[in-house]
Amino acid sequence: MSRRRTLLGVGEVLAWWAVLALLWLVFISAVNTLELVVGASAALIGACAAWGARRAVNGW
């Protein structure tokens, strides 16, 4: 894997994570430390899944 592909993959996962984490924060009722940790973790899992799904569909 080239360095450019690695950076693009990391950038894509970070973009997905930011969007999903923002959605999590919008939809929860109380923002506390536990909610932030759970939301960030769930967003990271979702971001990795979205990246993998896009990679599988495009044959990257």
Protein backbone atom coordinates (compact mmCIF):
# COMPACT_ATOMS: atom_id res chain seq x y z
CA MET A 1 0.00 0.00 0.00
CA SER A 2 1.45 3.35 -0.97
CA ARG A 3 1.79 6.25 1.40
CA ARG A 4 -0.80 8.26 -0.58
CA ARG A 5 -3.39 5.48 -0.31
CA THR A 6 -2.72 5.16 3.40
CA LEU A 7 -3.22 8.89 3.94
CA LEU A 8 -6.40 8.87 1.85
CA GLY A 9 -7.74 5.93 3.84
CA VAL A 10 -6.95 7.59 7.17
CA GLY A 11 -8.49 10.84 5.95
CA GLU A 12 -11.64 9.06 4.85
CA VAL A 13 -12.01 7.24 8.17
CA LEU A 14 -11.50 10.54 10.03
CA ALA A 15 -14.13 12.24 7.88
CA TRP A 16 -16.62 9.43 8.49
CA TRP A 17 -15.80 9.49 12.20
CA ALA A 18 -16.39 13.24 12.42
CA VAL A 19 -19.76 13.01 10.69
CA LEU A 20 -20.94 10.04 12.75
CA ALA A 21 -19.71 11.54 16.03
CA LEU A 22 -21.51 14.79 15.24
CA LEU A 23 -24.73 12.89 14.52
CA TRP A 24 -24.35 11.03 17.80
CA LEU A 25 -23.97 14.29 19.71
CA VAL A 26 -27.02 15.78 17.97
CA PHE A 27 -29.27 12.86 18.86
CA ILE A 28 -28.34 12.24 22.50
CA SER A 29 -30.11 14.08 25.26
CA ALA A 30 -27.34 14.45 27.84
CA VAL A 31 -23.70 15.03 27.02
CA ASN A 32 -21.41 13.59 29.67
CA THR A 33 -18.09 11.77 29.63
CA LEU A 34 -19.55 8.30 29.24
CA GLU A 35 -21.74 9.40 26.33
CA LEU A 36 -18.74 11.00 24.62
CA VAL A 37 -16.66 7.83 24.98
CA VAL A 38 -19.46 5.58 23.75
CA GLY A 39 -20.29 7.93 20.89
CA ALA A 40 -16.68 8.26 19.77
CA SER A 41 -16.22 4.48 19.91
CA ALA A 42 -19.41 3.77 17.99
CA ALA A 43 -18.52 6.42 15.43
CA LEU A 44 -15.07 4.87 14.95
CA ILE A 45 -16.56 1.42 14.40
CA GLY A 46 -19.06 2.86 11.93
CA ALA A 47 -16.35 4.83 10.14
CA CYS A 48 -14.19 1.73 9.71
CA ALA A 49 -17.20 -0.24 8.46
CA ALA A 50 -18.10 2.51 5.96
CA TRP A 51 -14.52 2.67 4.70
CA GLY A 52 -14.35 -1.10 4.33
CA ALA A 53 -17.71 -1.24 2.55
CA ARG A 54 -16.69 1.47 0.10
CA ARG A 55 -13.37 -0.24 -0.47
CA ALA A 56 -15.14 -3.56 -1.16
CA VAL A 57 -17.62 -2.01 -3.58
CA ASN A 58 -14.99 -0.05 -5.51
CA GLY A 59 -12.48 -2.88 -5.53
CA TRP A 60 -9.77 -0.66 -4.07
